[in-house]
Amino acid sequence: MAKLLYAAPAWWGFSATTDRNCIAGFVQRSVPSGFCEAGLAEISTLVDEAEDKPLHKILRDINHVLFQLLPHQRNLYFRQSIQDIKSISYGQLTV
């Protein structure tokens, strides 16, 4: 299973639905043979986790080499306080 998931993020997006169904069938058939565990999640879920894993490692470690190349986190809370709004509106008000 590890060999299948190792390169899956590189080719999974280019595979057709029929190819994905064949791979899922292969994984289901490999459970009785003992190649995979019985409680294994679907292959699409495992590939999604494999795709997200490297990015999450970079995001969590500020000492990672690629961390400095990420865009800075921004505060998405843009609402101004009432005092700021009053001072702007009174300052720009012309009589």
Protein backbone atom coordinates (compact mmCIF):
# COMPACT_ATOMS: atom_id res chain seq x y z
CA MET A 1 0.00 0.00 0.00
CA ALA A 2 2.88 2.35 0.76
CA LYS A 3 4.27 1.94 -2.73
CA LEU A 4 0.90 2.79 -4.22
CA LEU A 5 0.48 5.91 -2.09
CA TYR A 6 4.08 7.10 -2.46
CA ALA A 7 3.66 8.67 -5.89
CA ALA A 8 -0.14 8.92 -5.93
CA PRO A 9 -0.26 12.72 -5.40
CA ALA A 10 1.71 13.15 -8.64
CA TRP A 11 -0.59 11.11 -10.89
CA TRP A 12 -3.95 10.96 -9.08
CA GLY A 13 -5.24 14.20 -10.61
CA PHE A 14 -4.47 12.96 -14.12
CA SER A 15 -6.19 9.61 -13.71
CA ALA A 16 -9.64 8.95 -15.10
CA THR A 17 -12.56 7.79 -13.00
CA THR A 18 -12.33 4.30 -14.49
CA ASP A 19 -8.66 4.10 -13.48
CA ARG A 20 -9.50 5.19 -9.94
CA ASN A 21 -12.26 2.58 -9.74
CA CYS A 22 -9.82 -0.12 -10.90
CA ILE A 23 -7.33 0.89 -8.22
CA ALA A 24 -10.07 0.93 -5.56
CA GLY A 25 -11.12 -2.56 -6.69
CA PHE A 26 -7.54 -3.75 -6.49
CA VAL A 27 -7.27 -2.47 -2.92
CA GLN A 28 -10.55 -4.17 -1.97
CA ARG A 29 -9.38 -7.46 -3.49
CA SER A 30 -6.07 -7.24 -1.67
CA VAL A 31 -7.71 -7.26 1.78
CA PRO A 32 -8.58 -10.99 1.75
CA SER A 33 -5.11 -11.75 0.42
CA GLY A 34 -3.56 -10.05 3.43
CA PHE A 35 -1.83 -7.22 1.59
CA CYS A 36 -4.02 -4.54 3.22
CA GLU A 37 -5.75 -4.18 6.56
CA ALA A 38 -9.49 -4.83 6.74
CA GLY A 39 -10.34 -1.41 8.23
CA LEU A 40 -8.48 0.57 5.59
CA ALA A 41 -10.11 3.78 4.36
CA GLU A 42 -11.00 4.35 0.73
CA ILE A 43 -8.12 4.97 -1.63
CA SER A 44 -9.33 8.47 -2.51
CA THR A 45 -9.26 9.45 1.17
CA LEU A 46 -5.76 8.05 1.57
CA VAL A 47 -4.51 9.92 -1.51
CA ASP A 48 -6.04 13.19 -0.26
CA GLU A 49 -4.23 12.75 3.05
CA ALA A 50 -0.99 11.98 1.21
CA GLU A 51 -1.38 15.17 -0.85
CA ASP A 52 -1.93 17.38 2.20
CA LYS A 53 0.77 15.89 4.41
CA PRO A 54 3.83 17.74 2.98
CA LEU A 55 2.11 21.13 3.09
CA HIS A 56 0.99 20.62 6.68
CA LYS A 57 4.56 19.75 7.66
CA ILE A 58 5.78 23.02 6.16
CA LEU A 59 3.03 25.08 7.79
CA ARG A 60 3.69 23.66 11.26
CA ASP A 61 7.48 24.07 11.28
CA ILE A 62 8.75 27.66 11.13
CA ASN A 63 12.31 26.34 10.72
CA HIS A 64 11.40 24.43 7.56
CA VAL A 65 13.39 25.55 4.51
CA LEU A 66 10.25 26.30 2.51
CA PHE A 67 8.38 28.09 5.32
CA GLN A 68 9.97 31.44 4.46
CA LEU A 69 8.64 31.17 0.89
CA LEU A 70 5.02 31.02 2.02
CA PRO A 71 2.97 34.22 1.99
CA HIS A 72 2.67 35.96 5.33
CA GLN A 73 -0.42 35.19 7.34
CA ARG A 74 -2.85 38.03 7.33
CA ASN A 75 -5.40 39.02 9.87
CA LEU A 76 -8.69 38.53 8.08
CA TYR A 77 -10.62 40.51 10.64
CA PHE A 78 -10.89 43.90 8.92
CA ARG A 79 -13.64 45.44 10.97
CA GLN A 80 -12.58 48.76 12.42
CA SER A 81 -13.48 49.84 15.90
CA ILE A 82 -16.26 52.38 16.34
CA GLN A 83 -13.79 55.01 17.57
CA ASP A 84 -11.75 54.67 14.38
CA ILE A 85 -14.85 55.05 12.23
CA LYS A 86 -16.01 58.15 14.13
CA SER A 87 -12.62 59.82 13.90
CA ILE A 88 -12.41 59.12 10.16
CA SER A 89 -15.94 60.29 9.44
CA TYR A 90 -15.60 63.48 11.51
CA GLY A 91 -12.16 64.21 10.12
CA GLN A 92 -13.31 63.93 6.51
CA LEU A 93 -16.58 65.78 7.04
CA THR A 94 -16.70 69.15 5.36
CA VAL A 95 -19.35 71.65 6.26
